[in-house]
């Protein structure tokens, strides 16, 4: 698959995810929309790419780091959950993103020192 085709394929997956989320927000089970972005479509692609270009131990390291990458996501969700009752939506989103960035930077620093 050419580079352009790969980029278009990945963009199509992203667009499909957005459409599914939008459709789910219109249902009585709107909360399921929070589960859709966690489907590992991009993760599967990245695992395939790394798995076909790097060694198995390197792939396993990537998978382990992926497990720890859930920590910044949890930090985002917790901070957004708290902020959304206290400030406007956009401010809560920006605050959650900032918390995610700080947690992700901390994870990278700790990972590089430990590994």
PDB file of N, CA and C in Angstrom:
ATOM      1  N   UNK A   1       0.849  -1.170   0.000  1.00  0.00           N
ATOM      2  CA  UNK A   1       0.000   0.000   0.000  1.00  0.00           C
ATOM      3  C   UNK A   1       0.897   1.235   0.000  1.00  0.00           C
ATOM      4  N   UNK A   2       0.618   2.186  -0.868  1.00  0.00           N
ATOM      5  CA  UNK A   2       1.446   3.388  -0.960  1.00  0.00           C
ATOM      6  C   UNK A   2       1.241   4.265   0.267  1.00  0.00           C
ATOM      7  N   UNK A   3       2.171   5.184   0.461  1.00  0.00           N
ATOM      8  CA  UNK A   3       2.089   6.099   1.603  1.00  0.00           C
ATOM      9  C   UNK A   3       0.796   6.916   1.541  1.00  0.00           C
ATOM     10  N   UNK A   4       0.454   7.411   0.368  1.00  0.00           N
ATOM     11  CA  UNK A   4      -0.772   8.196   0.203  1.00  0.00           C
ATOM     12  C   UNK A   4      -1.997   7.358   0.532  1.00  0.00           C
ATOM     13  N   UNK A   5      -2.027   6.126   0.087  1.00  0.00           N
ATOM     14  CA  UNK A   5      -3.155   5.240   0.372  1.00  0.00           C
ATOM     15  C   UNK A   5      -3.249   4.957   1.866  1.00  0.00           C
ATOM     16  N   UNK A   6      -2.107   4.786   2.523  1.00  0.00           N
ATOM     17  CA  UNK A   6      -2.111   4.562   3.971  1.00  0.00           C
ATOM     18  C   UNK A   6      -2.684   5.761   4.710  1.00  0.00           C
ATOM     19  N   UNK A   7      -2.273   6.952   4.310  1.00  0.00           N
ATOM     20  CA  UNK A   7      -2.768   8.169   4.957  1.00  0.00           C
ATOM     21  C   UNK A   7      -4.274   8.311   4.741  1.00  0.00           C
ATOM     22  N   UNK A   8      -4.735   8.071   3.529  1.00  0.00           N
ATOM     23  CA  UNK A   8      -6.169   8.159   3.243  1.00  0.00           C
ATOM     24  C   UNK A   8      -6.960   7.103   4.012  1.00  0.00           C
ATOM     25  N   UNK A   9      -6.405   5.907   4.136  1.00  0.00           N
ATOM     26  CA  UNK A   9      -7.066   4.843   4.889  1.00  0.00           C
ATOM     27  C   UNK A   9      -7.217   5.246   6.354  1.00  0.00           C
ATOM     28  N   UNK A  10      -6.139   5.775   6.944  1.00  0.00           N
ATOM     29  CA  UNK A  10      -6.178   6.188   8.347  1.00  0.00           C
ATOM     30  C   UNK A  10      -7.156   7.347   8.547  1.00  0.00           C
ATOM     31  N   UNK A  11      -7.167   8.289   7.615  1.00  0.00           N
ATOM     32  CA  UNK A  11      -8.106   9.409   7.698  1.00  0.00           C
ATOM     33  C   UNK A  11      -9.545   8.921   7.589  1.00  0.00           C
ATOM     34  N   UNK A  12      -9.775   7.925   6.761  1.00  0.00           N
ATOM     35  CA  UNK A  12     -11.120   7.356   6.611  1.00  0.00           C
ATOM     36  C   UNK A  12     -11.586   6.695   7.901  1.00  0.00           C
ATOM     37  N   UNK A  13     -10.677   6.006   8.572  1.00  0.00           N
ATOM     38  CA  UNK A  13     -11.019   5.391   9.857  1.00  0.00           C
ATOM     39  C   UNK A  13     -11.393   6.481  10.857  1.00  0.00           C
ATOM     40  N   UNK A  14     -10.613   7.539  10.894  1.00  0.00           N
ATOM     41  CA  UNK A  14     -10.902   8.650  11.799  1.00  0.00           C
ATOM     42  C   UNK A  14     -12.254   9.280  11.511  1.00  0.00           C
ATOM     43  N   UNK A  15     -12.557   9.473  10.234  1.00  0.00           N
ATOM     44  CA  UNK A  15     -13.847  10.047   9.846  1.00  0.00           C
ATOM     45  C   UNK A  15     -14.991   9.114  10.236  1.00  0.00           C
ATOM     46  N   UNK A  16     -14.802   7.822  10.048  1.00  0.00           N
ATOM     47  CA  UNK A  16     -15.826   6.852  10.422  1.00  0.00           C
ATOM     48  C   UNK A  16     -16.078   6.881  11.932  1.00  0.00           C
ATOM     49  N   UNK A  17     -15.026   7.003  12.712  1.00  0.00           N
ATOM     50  CA  UNK A  17     -15.173   7.082  14.163  1.00  0.00           C
ATOM     51  C   UNK A  17     -16.003   8.314  14.542  1.00  0.00           C
ATOM     52  N   UNK A  18     -15.725   9.451  13.915  1.00  0.00           N
ATOM     53  CA  UNK A  18     -16.474  10.677  14.196  1.00  0.00           C
ATOM     54  C   UNK A  18     -17.954  10.492  13.858  1.00  0.00           C
ATOM     55  N   UNK A  19     -18.253   9.868  12.730  1.00  0.00           N
ATOM     56  CA  UNK A  19     -19.644   9.632  12.335  1.00  0.00           C
ATOM     57  C   UNK A  19     -20.336   8.709  13.333  1.00  0.00           C
ATOM     58  N   UNK A  20     -19.676   7.653  13.736  1.00  0.00           N
ATOM     59  CA  UNK A  20     -20.266   6.719  14.711  1.00  0.00           C
ATOM     60  C   UNK A  20     -20.537   7.434  16.034  1.00  0.00           C
ATOM     61  N   UNK A  21     -19.586   8.245  16.489  1.00  0.00           N
ATOM     62  CA  UNK A  21     -19.787   8.996  17.730  1.00  0.00           C
ATOM     63  C   UNK A  21     -20.984   9.919  17.601  1.00  0.00           C
ATOM     64  N   UNK A  22     -21.070  10.634  16.490  1.00  0.00           N
ATOM     65  CA  UNK A  22     -22.187  11.564  16.274  1.00  0.00           C
ATOM     66  C   UNK A  22     -23.515  10.820  16.279  1.00  0.00           C
ATOM     67  N   UNK A  23     -23.579   9.669  15.627  1.00  0.00           N
ATOM     68  CA  UNK A  23     -24.820   8.887  15.600  1.00  0.00           C
ATOM     69  C   UNK A  23     -25.185   8.382  16.995  1.00  0.00           C
ATOM     70  N   UNK A  24     -24.191   7.933  17.745  1.00  0.00           N
ATOM     71  CA  UNK A  24     -24.455   7.426  19.094  1.00  0.00           C
ATOM     72  C   UNK A  24     -24.945   8.517  20.043  1.00  0.00           C
ATOM     73  N   UNK A  25     -24.489   9.748  19.848  1.00  0.00           N
ATOM     74  CA  UNK A  25     -24.934  10.830  20.735  1.00  0.00           C
ATOM     75  C   UNK A  25     -26.419  11.121  20.577  1.00  0.00           C
ATOM     76  N   UNK A  26     -27.012  10.671  19.496  1.00  0.00           N
ATOM     77  CA  UNK A  26     -28.437  10.888  19.233  1.00  0.00           C
ATOM     78  C   UNK A  26     -29.314   9.786  19.826  1.00  0.00           C
ATOM     79  N   UNK A  27     -28.712   8.736  20.388  1.00  0.00           N
ATOM     80  CA  UNK A  27     -29.481   7.608  20.917  1.00  0.00           C
ATOM     81  C   UNK A  27     -29.669   7.754  22.423  1.00  0.00           C
ATOM     82  N   UNK A  28     -30.526   6.917  22.985  1.00  0.00           N
ATOM     83  CA  UNK A  28     -30.709   6.959  24.442  1.00  0.00           C
ATOM     84  C   UNK A  28     -29.497   6.405  25.169  1.00  0.00           C
ATOM     85  N   UNK A  29     -28.643   5.670  24.475  1.00  0.00           N
ATOM     86  CA  UNK A  29     -27.395   5.149  25.043  1.00  0.00           C
ATOM     87  C   UNK A  29     -26.212   6.016  24.624  1.00  0.00           C
ATOM     88  N   UNK A  30     -26.380   7.346  24.695  1.00  0.00           N
ATOM     89  CA  UNK A  30     -25.368   8.314  24.262  1.00  0.00           C
ATOM     90  C   UNK A  30     -24.004   8.076  24.887  1.00  0.00           C
ATOM     91  N   UNK A  31     -23.959   7.535  26.106  1.00  0.00           N
ATOM     92  CA  UNK A  31     -22.710   7.328  26.842  1.00  0.00           C
ATOM     93  C   UNK A  31     -21.784   6.325  26.149  1.00  0.00           C
ATOM     94  N   UNK A  32     -22.342   5.486  25.283  1.00  0.00           N
ATOM     95  CA  UNK A  32     -21.511   4.515  24.551  1.00  0.00           C
ATOM     96  C   UNK A  32     -20.542   5.245  23.615  1.00  0.00           C
ATOM     97  N   UNK A  33     -20.858   6.491  23.277  1.00  0.00           N
ATOM     98  CA  UNK A  33     -19.962   7.288  22.432  1.00  0.00           C
ATOM     99  C   UNK A  33     -18.578   7.430  23.067  1.00  0.00           C
ATOM    100  N   UNK A  34     -18.482   7.313  24.386  1.00  0.00           N
ATOM    101  CA  UNK A  34     -17.185   7.390  25.068  1.00  0.00           C
ATOM    102  C   UNK A  34     -16.338   6.146  24.818  1.00  0.00           C
ATOM    103  N   UNK A  35     -16.969   5.058  24.437  1.00  0.00           N
ATOM    104  CA  UNK A  35     -16.250   3.805  24.202  1.00  0.00           C
ATOM    105  C   UNK A  35     -15.654   3.747  22.789  1.00  0.00           C
ATOM    106  N   UNK A  36     -16.310   4.380  21.843  1.00  0.00           N
ATOM    107  CA  UNK A  36     -15.901   4.290  20.432  1.00  0.00           C
ATOM    108  C   UNK A  36     -14.462   4.744  20.185  1.00  0.00           C
ATOM    109  N   UNK A  37     -14.021   5.892  20.727  1.00  0.00           N
ATOM    110  CA  UNK A  37     -12.635   6.308  20.448  1.00  0.00           C
ATOM    111  C   UNK A  37     -11.591   5.350  21.015  1.00  0.00           C
ATOM    112  N   UNK A  38     -12.012   4.486  21.928  1.00  0.00           N
ATOM    113  CA  UNK A  38     -11.064   3.553  22.529  1.00  0.00           C
ATOM    114  C   UNK A  38     -10.926   2.259  21.731  1.00  0.00           C
ATOM    115  N   UNK A  39     -11.716   2.113  20.660  1.00  0.00           N
ATOM    116  CA  UNK A  39     -11.510   0.952  19.793  1.00  0.00           C
ATOM    117  C   UNK A  39     -10.107   1.058  19.220  1.00  0.00           C
ATOM    118  N   UNK A  40      -9.326  -0.006  19.285  1.00  0.00           N
ATOM    119  CA  UNK A  40      -7.897   0.100  18.967  1.00  0.00           C
ATOM    120  C   UNK A  40      -7.538   0.085  17.474  1.00  0.00           C
ATOM    121  N   UNK A  41      -8.331   0.743  16.641  1.00  0.00           N
ATOM    122  CA  UNK A  41      -8.037   0.739  15.197  1.00  0.00           C
ATOM    123  C   UNK A  41      -6.651   1.301  14.895  1.00  0.00           C
ATOM    124  N   UNK A  42      -6.350   2.484  15.418  1.00  0.00           N
ATOM    125  CA  UNK A  42      -5.041   3.087  15.170  1.00  0.00           C
ATOM    126  C   UNK A  42      -3.942   2.308  15.882  1.00  0.00           C
ATOM    127  N   UNK A  43      -4.273   1.751  17.034  1.00  0.00           N
ATOM    128  CA  UNK A  43      -3.294   0.948  17.767  1.00  0.00           C
ATOM    129  C   UNK A  43      -2.926  -0.305  16.977  1.00  0.00           C
ATOM    130  N   UNK A  44      -3.923  -0.941  16.392  1.00  0.00           N
ATOM    131  CA  UNK A  44      -3.662  -2.129  15.571  1.00  0.00           C
ATOM    132  C   UNK A  44      -2.743  -1.767  14.409  1.00  0.00           C
ATOM    133  N   UNK A  45      -3.021  -0.627  13.766  1.00  0.00           N
ATOM    134  CA  UNK A  45      -2.158  -0.184  12.662  1.00  0.00           C
ATOM    135  C   UNK A  45      -0.734   0.079  13.154  1.00  0.00           C
ATOM    136  N   UNK A  46      -0.609   0.766  14.284  1.00  0.00           N
ATOM    137  CA  UNK A  46       0.743   1.064  14.767  1.00  0.00           C
ATOM    138  C   UNK A  46       1.469  -0.210  15.194  1.00  0.00           C
ATOM    139  N   UNK A  47       0.743  -1.162  15.781  1.00  0.00           N
ATOM    140  CA  UNK A  47       1.375  -2.430  16.154  1.00  0.00           C
ATOM    141  C   UNK A  47       1.819  -3.198  14.914  1.00  0.00           C
ATOM    142  N   UNK A  48       1.011  -3.161  13.880  1.00  0.00           N
ATOM    143  CA  UNK A  48       1.392  -3.846  12.641  1.00  0.00           C
ATOM    144  C   UNK A  48       2.647  -3.200  12.037  1.00  0.00           C
ATOM    145  N   UNK A  49       2.650  -1.878  11.985  1.00  0.00           N
ATOM    146  CA  UNK A  49       3.789  -1.175  11.388  1.00  0.00           C
ATOM    147  C   UNK A  49       5.060  -1.434  12.191  1.00  0.00           C
ATOM    148  N   UNK A  50       4.997  -1.249  13.507  1.00  0.00           N
ATOM    149  CA  UNK A  50       6.176  -1.478  14.348  1.00  0.00           C
ATOM    150  C   UNK A  50       6.559  -2.951  14.322  1.00  0.00           C
ATOM    151  N   UNK A  51       5.569  -3.847  14.378  1.00  0.00           N
ATOM    152  CA  UNK A  51       5.846  -5.281  14.365  1.00  0.00           C
ATOM    153  C   UNK A  51       6.488  -5.763  13.083  1.00  0.00           C
ATOM    154  N   UNK A  52       6.218  -5.076  11.980  1.00  0.00           N
ATOM    155  CA  UNK A  52       6.813  -5.490  10.709  1.00  0.00           C
ATOM    156  C   UNK A  52       8.140  -4.789  10.428  1.00  0.00           C
ATOM    157  N   UNK A  53       8.453  -3.741  11.191  1.00  0.00           N
ATOM    158  CA  UNK A  53       9.695  -2.997  10.941  1.00  0.00           C
ATOM    159  C   UNK A  53      10.716  -3.104  12.071  1.00  0.00           C
ATOM    160  N   UNK A  54      10.282  -3.565  13.256  1.00  0.00           N
ATOM    161  CA  UNK A  54      11.175  -3.641  14.403  1.00  0.00           C
ATOM    162  C   UNK A  54      11.204  -5.068  14.938  1.00  0.00           C
ATOM    163  N   UNK A  55      11.993  -5.287  15.965  1.00  0.00           N
ATOM    164  CA  UNK A  55      12.099  -6.631  16.547  1.00  0.00           C
ATOM    165  C   UNK A  55      10.918  -6.896  17.488  1.00  0.00           C
ATOM    166  N   UNK A  56      10.720  -8.168  17.814  1.00  0.00           N
ATOM    167  CA  UNK A  56       9.661  -8.537  18.758  1.00  0.00           C
ATOM    168  C   UNK A  56       9.872  -7.887  20.129  1.00  0.00           C
ATOM    169  N   UNK A  57      11.097  -7.873  20.685  1.00  0.00           N
ATOM    170  CA  UNK A  57      11.274  -7.175  21.970  1.00  0.00           C
ATOM    171  C   UNK A  57      10.912  -5.683  21.890  1.00  0.00           C
ATOM    172  N   UNK A  58      11.214  -5.038  20.773  1.00  0.00           N
ATOM    173  CA  UNK A  58      10.855  -3.626  20.617  1.00  0.00           C
ATOM    174  C   UNK A  58       9.339  -3.455  20.539  1.00  0.00           C
ATOM    175  N   UNK A  59       8.677  -4.375  19.852  1.00  0.00           N
ATOM    176  CA  UNK A  59       7.220  -4.334  19.785  1.00  0.00           C
ATOM    177  C   UNK A  59       6.622  -4.525  21.177  1.00  0.00           C
ATOM    178  N   UNK A  60       7.167  -5.456  21.941  1.00  0.00           N
ATOM    179  CA  UNK A  60       6.669  -5.692  23.299  1.00  0.00           C
ATOM    180  C   UNK A  60       6.877  -4.459  24.181  1.00  0.00           C
ATOM    181  N   UNK A  61       8.003  -3.752  23.991  1.00  0.00           N
ATOM    182  CA  UNK A  61       8.246  -2.514  24.727  1.00  0.00           C
ATOM    183  C   UNK A  61       7.190  -1.478  24.375  1.00  0.00           C
ATOM    184  N   UNK A  62       6.872  -1.386  23.094  1.00  0.00           N
ATOM    185  CA  UNK A  62       5.838  -0.450  22.654  1.00  0.00           C
ATOM    186  C   UNK A  62       4.487  -0.785  23.286  1.00  0.00           C
ATOM    187  N   UNK A  63       4.149  -2.065  23.336  1.00  0.00           N
ATOM    188  CA  UNK A  63       2.878  -2.493  23.929  1.00  0.00           C
ATOM    189  C   UNK A  63       2.853  -2.148  25.419  1.00  0.00           C
ATOM    190  N   UNK A  64       3.957  -2.397  26.108  1.00  0.00           N
ATOM    191  CA  UNK A  64       4.035  -2.073  27.535  1.00  0.00           C
ATOM    192  C   UNK A  64       3.866  -0.563  27.749  1.00  0.00           C
ATOM    193  N   UNK A  65       4.537   0.234  26.937  1.00  0.00           N
ATOM    194  CA  UNK A  65       4.386   1.694  27.044  1.00  0.00           C
ATOM    195  C   UNK A  65       2.932   2.089  26.777  1.00  0.00           C
ATOM    196  N   UNK A  66       2.301   1.414  25.825  1.00  0.00           N
ATOM    197  CA  UNK A  66       0.889   1.678  25.547  1.00  0.00           C
ATOM    198  C   UNK A  66       0.006   1.429  26.754  1.00  0.00           C
ATOM    199  N   UNK A  67       0.329   0.400  27.518  1.00  0.00           N
ATOM    200  CA  UNK A  67      -0.435   0.135  28.744  1.00  0.00           C
ATOM    201  C   UNK A  67      -0.296   1.291  29.728  1.00  0.00           C
ATOM    202  N   UNK A  68       0.921   1.781  29.884  1.00  0.00           N
ATOM    203  CA  UNK A  68       1.147   2.903  30.792  1.00  0.00           C
ATOM    204  C   UNK A  68       0.566   4.212  30.245  1.00  0.00           C
ATOM    205  N   UNK A  69       0.349   4.285  28.938  1.00  0.00           N
ATOM    206  CA  UNK A  69      -0.222   5.506  28.360  1.00  0.00           C
ATOM    207  C   UNK A  69      -1.677   5.704  28.772  1.00  0.00           C
ATOM    208  N   UNK A  70      -2.260   4.699  29.392  1.00  0.00           N
ATOM    209  CA  UNK A  70      -3.610   4.863  29.926  1.00  0.00           C
ATOM    210  C   UNK A  70      -3.624   5.816  31.120  1.00  0.00           C
ATOM    211  N   UNK A  71      -2.495   5.993  31.772  1.00  0.00           N
ATOM    212  CA  UNK A  71      -2.420   6.896  32.926  1.00  0.00           C
ATOM    213  C   UNK A  71      -2.736   8.339  32.518  1.00  0.00           C
ATOM    214  N   UNK A  72      -2.088   8.900  31.486  1.00  0.00           N
ATOM    215  CA  UNK A  72      -2.465  10.266  31.083  1.00  0.00           C
ATOM    216  C   UNK A  72      -3.930  10.369  30.648  1.00  0.00           C
ATOM    217  N   UNK A  73      -4.460   9.329  30.029  1.00  0.00           N
ATOM    218  CA  UNK A  73      -5.866   9.351  29.630  1.00  0.00           C
ATOM    219  C   UNK A  73      -6.760   9.401  30.870  1.00  0.00           C
ATOM    220  N   UNK A  74      -6.424   8.622  31.886  1.00  0.00           N
ATOM    221  CA  UNK A  74      -7.188   8.649  33.130  1.00  0.00           C
ATOM    222  C   UNK A  74      -7.087  10.023  33.793  1.00  0.00           C
ATOM    223  N   UNK A  75      -5.903  10.622  33.765  1.00  0.00           N
ATOM    224  CA  UNK A  75      -5.718  11.970  34.316  1.00  0.00           C
ATOM    225  C   UNK A  75      -6.614  12.955  33.566  1.00  0.00           C
ATOM    226  N   UNK A  76      -6.662  12.847  32.241  1.00  0.00           N
ATOM    227  CA  UNK A  76      -7.548  13.716  31.451  1.00  0.00           C
ATOM    228  C   UNK A  76      -8.999  13.536  31.889  1.00  0.00           C
ATOM    229  N   UNK A  77      -9.460  12.282  31.959  1.00  0.00           N
ATOM    230  CA  UNK A  77     -10.856  12.029  32.302  1.00  0.00           C
ATOM    231  C   UNK A  77     -11.191  12.539  33.699  1.00  0.00           C
ATOM    232  N   UNK A  78     -10.327  12.292  34.661  1.00  0.00           N
ATOM    233  CA  UNK A  78     -10.576  12.767  36.027  1.00  0.00           C
ATOM    234  C   UNK A  78     -10.624  14.290  36.097  1.00  0.00           C
ATOM    235  N   UNK A  79      -9.662  14.936  35.460  1.00  0.00           N
ATOM    236  CA  UNK A  79      -9.636  16.402  35.501  1.00  0.00           C
ATOM    237  C   UNK A  79     -10.835  16.989  34.756  1.00  0.00           C
ATOM    238  N   UNK A  80     -11.185  16.431  33.625  1.00  0.00           N
ATOM    239  CA  UNK A  80     -12.345  16.922  32.880  1.00  0.00           C
ATOM    240  C   UNK A  80     -13.620  16.700  33.679  1.00  0.00           C
ATOM    241  N   UNK A  81     -13.748  15.560  34.312  1.00  0.00           N
ATOM    242  CA  UNK A  81     -14.924  15.242  35.137  1.00  0.00           C
ATOM    243  C   UNK A  81     -15.107  16.282  36.245  1.00  0.00           C
ATOM    244  N   UNK A  82     -14.000  16.672  36.860  1.00  0.00           N
ATOM    245  CA  UNK A  82     -14.051  17.673  37.931  1.00  0.00           C
ATOM    246  C   UNK A  82     -14.316  19.070  37.361  1.00  0.00           C
ATOM    247  N   UNK A  83     -13.627  19.418  36.298  1.00  0.00           N
ATOM    248  CA  UNK A  83     -13.727  20.766  35.737  1.00  0.00           C
ATOM    249  C   UNK A  83     -15.066  21.058  35.076  1.00  0.00           C
ATOM    250  N   UNK A  84     -15.696  20.067  34.484  1.00  0.00           N
ATOM    251  CA  UNK A  84     -16.898  20.317  33.693  1.00  0.00           C
ATOM    252  C   UNK A  84     -18.039  20.884  34.548  1.00  0.00           C
ATOM    253  N   UNK A  85     -18.028  20.642  35.850  1.00  0.00           N
ATOM    254  CA  UNK A  85     -19.042  21.233  36.733  1.00  0.00           C
ATOM    255  C   UNK A  85     -18.662  22.626  37.220  1.00  0.00           C
ATOM    256  N   UNK A  86     -17.421  23.004  37.055  1.00  0.00           N
ATOM    257  CA  UNK A  86     -16.932  24.250  37.647  1.00  0.00           C
ATOM    258  C   UNK A  86     -16.691  25.366  36.639  1.00  0.00           C
ATOM    259  N   UNK A  87     -16.383  25.000  35.406  1.00  0.00           N
ATOM    260  CA  UNK A  87     -16.059  26.013  34.389  1.00  0.00           C
ATOM    261  C   UNK A  87     -16.806  25.694  33.094  1.00  0.00           C
ATOM    262  N   UNK A  88     -16.702  26.578  32.134  1.00  0.00           N
ATOM    263  CA  UNK A  88     -17.348  26.350  30.837  1.00  0.00           C
ATOM    264  C   UNK A  88     -16.741  25.144  30.140  1.00  0.00           C
ATOM    265  N   UNK A  89     -17.514  24.584  29.210  1.00  0.00           N
ATOM    266  CA  UNK A  89     -17.103  23.348  28.527  1.00  0.00           C
ATOM    267  C   UNK A  89     -15.743  23.473  27.862  1.00  0.00           C
ATOM    268  N   UNK A  90     -15.535  24.524  27.081  1.00  0.00           N
ATOM    269  CA  UNK A  90     -14.260  24.674  26.361  1.00  0.00           C
ATOM    270  C   UNK A  90     -13.102  24.812  27.347  1.00  0.00           C
ATOM    271  N   UNK A  91     -13.315  25.540  28.430  1.00  0.00           N
ATOM    272  CA  UNK A  91     -12.269  25.686  29.449  1.00  0.00           C
ATOM    273  C   UNK A  91     -11.971  24.345  30.109  1.00  0.00           C
ATOM    274  N   UNK A  92     -13.017  23.563  30.373  1.00  0.00           N
ATOM    275  CA  UNK A  92     -12.827  22.232  30.963  1.00  0.00           C
ATOM    276  C   UNK A  92     -12.051  21.328  30.004  1.00  0.00           C
ATOM    277  N   UNK A  93     -12.365  21.402  28.722  1.00  0.00           N
ATOM    278  CA  UNK A  93     -11.637  20.606  27.725  1.00  0.00           C
ATOM    279  C   UNK A  93     -10.170  21.013  27.667  1.00  0.00           C
ATOM    280  N   UNK A  94      -9.933  22.313  27.641  1.00  0.00           N
ATOM    281  CA  UNK A  94      -8.545  22.791  27.608  1.00  0.00           C
ATOM    282  C   UNK A  94      -7.797  22.401  28.885  1.00  0.00           C
ATOM    283  N   UNK A  95      -8.464  22.505  30.027  1.00  0.00           N
ATOM    284  CA  UNK A  95      -7.849  22.091  31.284  1.00  0.00           C
ATOM    285  C   UNK A  95      -7.521  20.604  31.285  1.00  0.00           C
ATOM    286  N   UNK A  96      -8.451  19.797  30.784  1.00  0.00           N
ATOM    287  CA  UNK A  96      -8.208  18.360  30.683  1.00  0.00           C
ATOM    288  C   UNK A  96      -7.041  18.052  29.757  1.00  0.00           C
ATOM    289  N   UNK A  97      -6.968  18.779  28.638  1.00  0.00           N
ATOM    290  CA  UNK A  97      -5.856  18.580  27.697  1.00  0.00           C
ATOM    291  C   UNK A  97      -4.526  18.953  28.344  1.00  0.00           C
ATOM    292  N   UNK A  98      -4.521  20.045  29.097  1.00  0.00           N
ATOM    293  CA  UNK A  98      -3.291  20.458  29.773  1.00  0.00           C
ATOM    294  C   UNK A  98      -2.862  19.398  30.793  1.00  0.00           C
ATOM    295  N   UNK A  99      -3.827  18.876  31.540  1.00  0.00           N
ATOM    296  CA  UNK A  99      -3.512  17.808  32.506  1.00  0.00           C
ATOM    297  C   UNK A  99      -2.977  16.574  31.786  1.00  0.00           C
ATOM    298  N   UNK A 100      -3.573  16.239  30.627  1.00  0.00           N
ATOM    299  CA  UNK A 100      -3.087  15.102  29.846  1.00  0.00           C
ATOM    300  C   UNK A 100      -1.646  15.349  29.399  1.00  0.00           C
ATOM    301  N   UNK A 101      -1.373  16.554  28.887  1.00  0.00           N
ATOM    302  CA  UNK A 101      -0.016  16.876  28.420  1.00  0.00           C
ATOM    303  C   UNK A 101       1.002  16.752  29.543  1.00  0.00           C
ATOM    304  N   UNK A 102       0.660  17.259  30.718  1.00  0.00           N
ATOM    305  CA  UNK A 102       1.577  17.165  31.852  1.00  0.00           C
ATOM    306  C   UNK A 102       1.802  15.716  32.267  1.00  0.00           C
ATOM    307  N   UNK A 103       0.713  14.940  32.318  1.00  0.00           N
ATOM    308  CA  UNK A 103       0.844  13.525  32.693  1.00  0.00           C
ATOM    309  C   UNK A 103       1.629  12.753  31.632  1.00  0.00           C
ATOM    310  N   UNK A 104       1.389  13.047  30.355  1.00  0.00           N
ATOM    311  CA  UNK A 104       2.116  12.364  29.275  1.00  0.00           C
ATOM    312  C   UNK A 104       3.604  12.719  29.318  1.00  0.00           C
ATOM    313  N   UNK A 105       3.912  13.986  29.548  1.00  0.00           N
ATOM    314  CA  UNK A 105       5.317  14.399  29.648  1.00  0.00           C
ATOM    315  C   UNK A 105       5.979  13.704  30.837  1.00  0.00           C
ATOM    316  N   UNK A 106       5.269  13.633  31.957  1.00  0.00           N
ATOM    317  CA  UNK A 106       5.804  12.937  33.124  1.00  0.00           C
ATOM    318  C   UNK A 106       6.044  11.468  32.849  1.00  0.00           C
ATOM    319  N   UNK A 107       5.099  10.845  32.155  1.00  0.00           N
ATOM    320  CA  UNK A 107       5.250   9.433  31.793  1.00  0.00           C
ATOM    321  C   UNK A 107       6.492   9.218  30.933  1.00  0.00           C
ATOM    322  N   UNK A 108       6.690  10.083  29.944  1.00  0.00           N
ATOM    323  CA  UNK A 108       7.844   9.948  29.055  1.00  0.00           C
ATOM    324  C   UNK A 108       9.148  10.110  29.826  1.00  0.00           C
ATOM    325  N   UNK A 109       9.204  11.101  30.709  1.00  0.00           N
ATOM    326  CA  UNK A 109      10.416  11.338  31.508  1.00  0.00           C
ATOM    327  C   UNK A 109      10.719  10.113  32.376  1.00  0.00           C
ATOM    328  N   UNK A 110       9.698   9.626  33.074  1.00  0.00           N
ATOM    329  CA  UNK A 110       9.889   8.457  33.945  1.00  0.00           C
ATOM    330  C   UNK A 110      10.266   7.227  33.113  1.00  0.00           C
ATOM    331  N   UNK A 111       9.604   7.025  31.988  1.00  0.00           N
ATOM    332  CA  UNK A 111       9.866   5.868  31.124  1.00  0.00           C
ATOM    333  C   UNK A 111      11.327   5.866  30.655  1.00  0.00           C
ATOM    334  N   UNK A 112      11.803   7.030  30.222  1.00  0.00           N
ATOM    335  CA  UNK A 112      13.178   7.105  29.715  1.00  0.00           C
ATOM    336  C   UNK A 112      14.198   6.845  30.820  1.00  0.00           C
ATOM    337  N   UNK A 113      13.870   7.198  32.055  1.00  0.00           N
ATOM    338  CA  UNK A 113      14.808   6.960  33.161  1.00  0.00           C
ATOM    339  C   UNK A 113      14.788   5.491  33.591  1.00  0.00           C
ATOM    340  N   UNK A 114      13.605   4.879  33.564  1.00  0.00           N
ATOM    341  CA  UNK A 114      13.457   3.502  34.021  1.00  0.00           C
ATOM    342  C   UNK A 114      13.891   2.509  32.937  1.00  0.00           C
ATOM    343  N   UNK A 115      13.536   2.755  31.715  1.00  0.00           N
ATOM    344  CA  UNK A 115      13.838   1.824  30.635  1.00  0.00           C
ATOM    345  C   UNK A 115      15.196   2.180  30.115  1.00  0.00           C
TER     346      UNK A 115
END
